[in-house]
Amino acid sequence: MATLASALLAGCSGQEDEATDPITPPPATPSPTTTVPAGAEEALAAYQAFQQSLAAAQANPTAEGEKAPADADVTQWSWDPLQAQMVAYVADLAAQGAHYEGTQHQGHPRVESVDLEAESWPTVVISDCAIGGDWHPVAEDGTRFPEAGATATPPPPYRITVTMIEYQGRWGASEQSADRSSTCTP
């Protein structure tokens, strides 16, 4: 159980869309008051697809060395170092016989910066505050794990910041961090 608690990451997942082609991200759906900066649309759509694939992987984790179903393949929407972290995290869930269930948290992503002319690769930084829902890890026998950060001060949810990069013609999440200094609000 300690391994699972240490493996839980700050990212929360958005709603899954079964009709979405796993290779093409769904259109970005920012909140009605959010304007997506020019050039960031594809990165935001890839971020949302990454969150959807992570939720599918958490719900039905695959063991190390197994091929994930297309809807749960986080490698389609990520790059290292985050890709390696997510693959290891999902394999750890599977090794422990754990998975997630419940209603997924609702994300509220917003584009913080866009640098399509970056020296290394085009970069879009997205922050998100996922709230609501009851998305939680459970053991193989159905026992619910304690909520990560449930006794933390301040309590979750925390704003996450994800760096999206375009490499080899596709956008993917490459880094993620959480601001645990305050509880976020969308």
Protein backbone atom coordinates (compact mmCIF):
# COMPACT_ATOMS: atom_id res chain seq x y z
CA MET A 1 0.00 0.00 0.00
CA ALA A 2 2.89 2.38 0.70
CA THR A 3 4.16 1.82 -2.82
CA LEU A 4 0.78 2.77 -4.26
CA ALA A 5 0.58 5.89 -2.13
CA SER A 6 4.02 6.97 -3.25
CA ALA A 7 3.15 6.22 -6.86
CA LEU A 8 0.02 8.34 -6.92
CA LEU A 9 0.69 11.41 -8.97
CA ALA A 10 -0.90 14.81 -8.77
CA GLY A 11 -2.54 14.61 -12.19
CA CYS A 12 -6.26 14.05 -12.32
CA SER A 13 -8.10 12.68 -15.29
CA GLY A 14 -10.83 13.99 -17.50
CA GLN A 15 -13.82 12.10 -18.88
CA GLU A 16 -13.19 9.25 -21.28
CA ASP A 17 -14.73 9.43 -24.76
CA GLU A 18 -15.19 5.96 -26.25
CA ALA A 19 -15.94 7.36 -29.70
CA THR A 20 -12.58 9.11 -29.96
CA ASP A 21 -9.99 7.67 -32.32
CA PRO A 22 -7.00 6.87 -30.07
CA ILE A 23 -4.55 8.34 -32.60
CA THR A 24 -6.29 11.68 -33.14
CA PRO A 25 -6.89 13.86 -30.08
CA PRO A 26 -10.43 15.12 -29.55
CA PRO A 27 -10.98 18.82 -30.16
CA ALA A 28 -9.87 20.97 -27.24
CA THR A 29 -12.81 21.91 -25.04
CA PRO A 30 -11.74 24.77 -22.78
CA SER A 31 -14.26 26.35 -20.43
CA PRO A 32 -16.53 28.93 -22.11
CA THR A 33 -14.61 31.84 -20.56
CA THR A 34 -11.22 30.57 -21.73
CA THR A 35 -9.65 31.70 -24.99
CA VAL A 36 -7.05 29.31 -26.39
CA PRO A 37 -4.03 31.21 -27.72
CA ALA A 38 -3.21 30.76 -31.39
CA GLY A 39 -1.09 27.70 -32.01
CA ALA A 40 -2.01 25.99 -28.72
CA GLU A 41 -5.15 24.17 -29.89
CA GLU A 42 -3.39 20.92 -30.84
CA ALA A 43 -1.33 20.89 -27.64
CA LEU A 44 -4.45 21.40 -25.52
CA ALA A 45 -6.27 18.61 -27.40
CA ALA A 46 -3.26 16.30 -26.87
CA TYR A 47 -3.22 17.20 -23.15
CA GLN A 48 -6.88 16.23 -22.85
CA ALA A 49 -6.24 13.00 -24.77
CA PHE A 50 -3.33 12.26 -22.42
CA GLN A 51 -5.62 12.72 -19.40
CA GLN A 52 -8.24 10.44 -20.99
CA SER A 53 -5.68 7.73 -21.73
CA LEU A 54 -4.26 8.00 -18.21
CA ALA A 55 -7.76 7.57 -16.73
CA ALA A 56 -8.33 4.49 -18.92
CA ALA A 57 -4.92 3.10 -17.85
CA GLN A 58 -5.72 3.73 -14.17
CA ALA A 59 -9.09 1.97 -14.54
CA ASN A 60 -7.57 -1.06 -16.24
CA PRO A 61 -3.78 -1.04 -15.67
CA THR A 62 -1.52 -3.30 -17.72
CA ALA A 63 1.49 -5.06 -16.28
CA GLU A 64 5.05 -4.24 -17.23
CA GLY A 65 5.80 -5.53 -20.72
CA GLU A 66 2.11 -5.88 -21.69
CA LYS A 67 0.69 -3.80 -24.52
CA ALA A 68 -1.91 -1.33 -23.29
CA PRO A 69 -5.23 -1.08 -25.15
CA ALA A 70 -5.27 1.90 -27.54
CA ASP A 71 -7.52 3.98 -25.27
CA ALA A 72 -5.19 3.38 -22.29
CA ASP A 73 -1.86 3.85 -24.09
CA VAL A 74 -0.35 6.91 -22.41
CA THR A 75 2.68 6.65 -24.71
CA GLN A 76 0.58 8.04 -27.59
CA TRP A 77 0.22 11.36 -25.77
CA SER A 78 3.49 11.72 -23.84
CA TRP A 79 7.25 12.02 -24.16
CA ASP A 80 10.01 11.25 -21.69
CA PRO A 81 10.60 11.89 -18.88
CA LEU A 82 6.85 11.94 -18.07
CA GLN A 83 6.17 9.00 -20.38
CA ALA A 84 8.54 6.70 -18.48
CA GLN A 85 7.05 7.84 -15.16
CA MET A 86 3.48 7.14 -16.29
CA VAL A 87 4.32 3.72 -17.77
CA ALA A 88 6.04 2.73 -14.51
CA TYR A 89 3.14 4.12 -12.45
CA VAL A 90 0.55 2.11 -14.43
CA ALA A 91 2.69 -1.05 -14.22
CA ASP A 92 2.99 -0.50 -10.44
CA LEU A 93 -0.81 -0.30 -10.16
CA ALA A 94 -1.12 -3.59 -12.09
CA ALA A 95 1.60 -5.28 -10.00
CA GLN A 96 -0.31 -4.40 -6.84
CA GLY A 97 -3.65 -5.52 -8.26
CA ALA A 98 -4.96 -1.98 -7.86
CA HIS A 99 -7.06 0.16 -10.19
CA TYR A 100 -9.14 3.33 -10.11
CA GLU A 101 -12.90 3.61 -10.11
CA GLY A 102 -15.60 6.19 -9.50
CA THR A 103 -16.48 9.40 -11.27
CA GLN A 104 -13.50 11.13 -12.79
CA HIS A 105 -12.52 14.62 -11.68
CA GLN A 106 -13.44 17.43 -14.07
CA GLY A 107 -10.40 19.21 -15.47
CA HIS A 108 -10.23 22.94 -16.09
CA PRO A 109 -7.11 23.30 -18.25
CA ARG A 110 -5.80 26.67 -19.29
CA VAL A 111 -2.89 27.58 -21.50
CA GLU A 112 -0.24 29.46 -19.54
CA SER A 113 2.34 30.00 -22.28
CA VAL A 114 3.02 29.21 -25.92
CA ASP A 115 6.46 29.11 -27.53
CA LEU A 116 6.16 27.63 -30.99
CA GLU A 117 9.64 28.90 -31.89
CA ALA A 118 11.44 27.31 -28.91
CA GLU A 119 15.03 26.35 -29.64
CA SER A 120 14.54 22.66 -28.86
CA TRP A 121 10.88 22.06 -29.87
CA PRO A 122 7.56 23.88 -29.83
CA THR A 123 6.30 24.13 -26.24
CA VAL A 124 2.94 24.89 -24.64
CA VAL A 125 2.56 25.03 -20.86
CA ILE A 126 -0.86 24.11 -19.49
CA SER A 127 -2.13 24.35 -15.93
CA ASP A 128 -5.13 22.44 -14.64
CA CYS A 129 -7.24 22.23 -11.52
CA ALA A 130 -9.35 19.07 -11.62
CA ILE A 131 -12.18 19.10 -9.12
CA GLY A 132 -15.26 17.10 -8.22
CA GLY A 133 -15.75 13.45 -8.89
CA ASP A 134 -14.86 10.48 -6.77
CA TRP A 135 -11.97 9.00 -8.78
CA HIS A 136 -10.02 6.83 -6.32
CA PRO A 137 -7.71 3.82 -6.16
CA VAL A 138 -8.95 0.47 -4.90
CA ALA A 139 -7.15 -2.78 -4.08
CA GLU A 140 -7.76 -6.05 -5.90
CA ASP A 141 -10.29 -7.03 -3.22
CA GLY A 142 -12.20 -3.75 -3.68
CA THR A 143 -10.83 -2.06 -0.54
CA ARG A 144 -10.52 1.68 -1.09
CA PHE A 145 -7.06 3.15 -0.54
CA PRO A 146 -6.80 6.31 1.55
CA GLU A 147 -6.97 9.43 -0.57
CA ALA A 148 -3.54 10.74 -1.49
CA GLY A 149 -3.01 13.97 0.38
CA ALA A 150 -6.20 13.57 2.43
CA THR A 151 -4.41 14.73 5.59
CA ALA A 152 -2.22 17.27 3.82
CA THR A 153 -2.31 20.94 4.66
CA PRO A 154 -3.49 22.54 2.52
CA PRO A 155 -5.74 19.78 1.17
CA PRO A 156 -5.99 18.81 -2.52
CA PRO A 157 -6.87 19.46 -5.26
CA TYR A 158 -3.58 21.00 -6.35
CA ARG A 159 -2.94 22.91 -9.54
CA ILE A 160 -0.81 20.87 -11.91
CA THR A 161 1.40 22.32 -14.60
CA VAL A 162 2.16 20.22 -17.66
CA THR A 163 4.69 21.01 -20.34
CA MET A 164 3.53 19.86 -23.76
CA ILE A 165 6.07 19.55 -26.57
CA GLU A 166 5.72 18.86 -30.26
CA TYR A 167 8.25 16.28 -31.38
CA GLN A 168 8.26 14.16 -34.52
CA GLY A 169 5.03 15.80 -35.64
CA ARG A 170 2.93 15.11 -32.56
CA TRP A 171 2.21 16.83 -29.27
CA GLY A 172 2.77 15.03 -25.98
CA ALA A 173 3.13 15.74 -22.26
CA SER A 174 6.79 15.73 -21.24
CA GLU A 175 6.84 17.15 -17.70
CA GLN A 176 4.32 17.55 -14.89
CA SER A 177 4.48 19.22 -11.51
CA ALA A 178 1.98 20.01 -8.77
CA ASP A 179 1.79 23.15 -6.66
CA ARG A 180 1.07 21.73 -3.21
CA SER A 181 1.35 25.13 -1.52
CA SER A 182 -2.37 25.85 -1.91
CA THR A 183 -5.69 24.26 -2.77
CA CYS A 184 -6.62 25.18 -6.33
CA THR A 185 -9.86 26.52 -7.70
CA PRO A 186 -10.69 26.57 -11.41
